[in-house]
Structure formats: structure tokens, C-alpha cells
Amino acid sequence: MILLFVTSLGLHAQERTIRATPERKAVFSLPKFEVQSRVANDTVLYPAAAEPCGNFVRSYGVGAGGGWGYVAGTNGYGDLEKAQRLVYTANSPYKVLEVWGFFAEAVAVGNGALRMKVYSVDPQTGGPDTLLGKSSDLRTRDLKIDTQLVLVTVFPFPTPVTIRRDSFFVSCDFSDLYAARDTAALFMTNDTCGFGADAWELFEDGVTWVPVDSDDSYGIDANWIVAAVVQFDEATDVNDPFVAQRGLQLFPASPNPTNDWINLPYNIENSSRVTIEVYATDGKLIQRLHRGQQQPGRYTEKLNVQSLPAGTYVYGIVTDEARIMSRFIVNR
């Protein structure tokens, strides 16, 4: 029985061919936020977002053998979930409040339900391990789709998921859409942008997880376009809370909320070009500040926000190797 199963899996994998849709500029439309002043919230993007190639996304349709559907969604192979490993290095436990999915396709026939899940990382395989929590269900018609923008669909978690490691998996569960005869698909990065070993799929048997760069899958290196909103409590963390990625450390903005100036502290471990970006919650770029080549060390960007209307803003610190995004609030 075991030998027959392995042989069948191999034949199934060989039929997995794909076709790419035209590349699209990843102009993200971000949701509106409500953030408490004594709690730090950060947005963890798919890993390839820190690379230049991560600014472009596409979807991949399933070719011969699959019959219909998408690599990053429902398809003829019956793939149930698509999971992306996210990296978030902090010096204290943190919670996942919501997960963002950026969808390329959503066609509702029966208007089925789908959800996001959070898994721990299996230390042996590097793939999804223990299920830590589920979001509220959304319907296919709830998914945000636009022909020009890459919109975000927010999946809130009724019970925040506590994470105590530097990485975790976010998975989109498409399993209920097959009975509803719906089609849905996430955007992806281009092949060779990101590591396929960090993007996994759950086969129709509901047991077998495989990375998409393997011979058992599509053999591509890409990220699913997802993100997570995480939270840690500044008031209870006495060890100078920070988040880190690829030699960049980001510390909480202060004072937050503010009405005139805000300090955006960060640390870089290696010499790098540094850019500061500020976005409105609709995804519009408000300001981009090029700070040139900076040597290793801790820096603080003092930003004048006196001309900004009251509201929540997303800012990013960008180096040659990383991009970390967080938020601040302007009160009037």
C-alpha cells in the first residue's frame, strides 16, 4: 500500500504544469487600522517583499492535467490549502491579530466559505506543523478584487494567536470552495522571486504538505502574497522591544499617537542604503525619503507630521536586504 501511494503521488506531480498570467505591479491598497496607543502593531509581509522583484506579482493558472484553476488557489488537483512562512523576529511573544490575503481571482457560484489559518513551523521538515488558530470565515464574494490594484482582504482572528518563535505559517484554506464550485486564487511573486521552500500546499488527502519548489509540486520558487498583523505590548516589555529582519531592527515609533513630530528608530547591522516610506491607509505613497548609504548603527528618523490629517499611517524602513513596516497615529 505504501509503495502504491508513493508511485501515485509521483505521477500526480508530473502532471502539474502551469501557465503564467501577465505581470502586475504590486500597488497595494491597505486597510484602515485602529491601533491603541500603548500597543505596538506591525505588519509582516511575505519575505520576497524585501526584494526588488517582490514589487511585482502575478497569478499562475493550472495547465494540462489540472484542467482548471490556479496554482495558488482552487484547482483540478484539489489542493486544499496554500501556506506561506512569515519571519518575524522579536524579543518577546507576540500575537497574530489578522491575516491579509491579496487575491487575483474570485468567482462565486455557491459563494462558499474560506479562512486563514496560522501554523507553527515543523523543525524537521520546515513546513507547517501544529495548527495554532483560525480566522473568521469569509465568503468568496467578500474577497477584494480589482483589475488595476492589488487589494487586501482582511481575515480577523476572533482569538489572537500567540507566537513564541521567529517564524510561523499563514495558510489560506480553500477546502470548502470545491463543494461550492467556486474559484479563488492568491497572487504570487514571479518564479525565482522568493524561496519555494517557504511556500507549501496541502494536497487533497488533507495530510500531505509539500513545498512548491519540490518535484512533488510545481517546481517553482515563489511566495504567496499574504501578510499578518502582529501585536506586542510595549507596556509589559522592558527589554526595548524590537522586530528584526535580515540585519534590520525596527523599534516602536514614539510618541505614538502624535500631533507634530514622531521618532522612527531603527538599527542596521551592515552598511546599506536606507529609505523611509510613509503610506496612507488606502495604499497611497505620501512620502519617500532617501537617506543614502548608512554605516552600521542605530538611527532615528524624526518625521514632521504637522501637515498630515488625523488618522493611522503605515511607514516602512527599507534597506538593501529588508523592509519592515509598522504604523503610527496622528491625532488632532
Foldseek 3Di string as FASTA:
>chain_A
DVVVVVVVLLVLLVQFEKDWDDKAFALEFFAFDDDDQQKFKWKFWAQLCQPPLVRIWTWIWTDGSFCGATQFWDISQLWFKKKFKTFKDKPFKKWFFKKKFFWADFFFQLFWKKWKWKFAADPVLRHGDHTQFIFDIDTSVQHDYDPHHRYIRITGGPDIGIDDDRMIMMMIGRNGVVVRVMGIGTIKGDFVRAAQSRMWIHGNVRPDIDRQCDSSHPNTGMGGGMMTMMMDGNVPDPPQIWIDDDQKIWGDKPPFAEQFKIKTKMWGQAWWWKKKWKADNRSHTDDIGTPGTDGGDMDIDIDTCNVPDFGKMKMWIHTNNGIIITIGTHDD
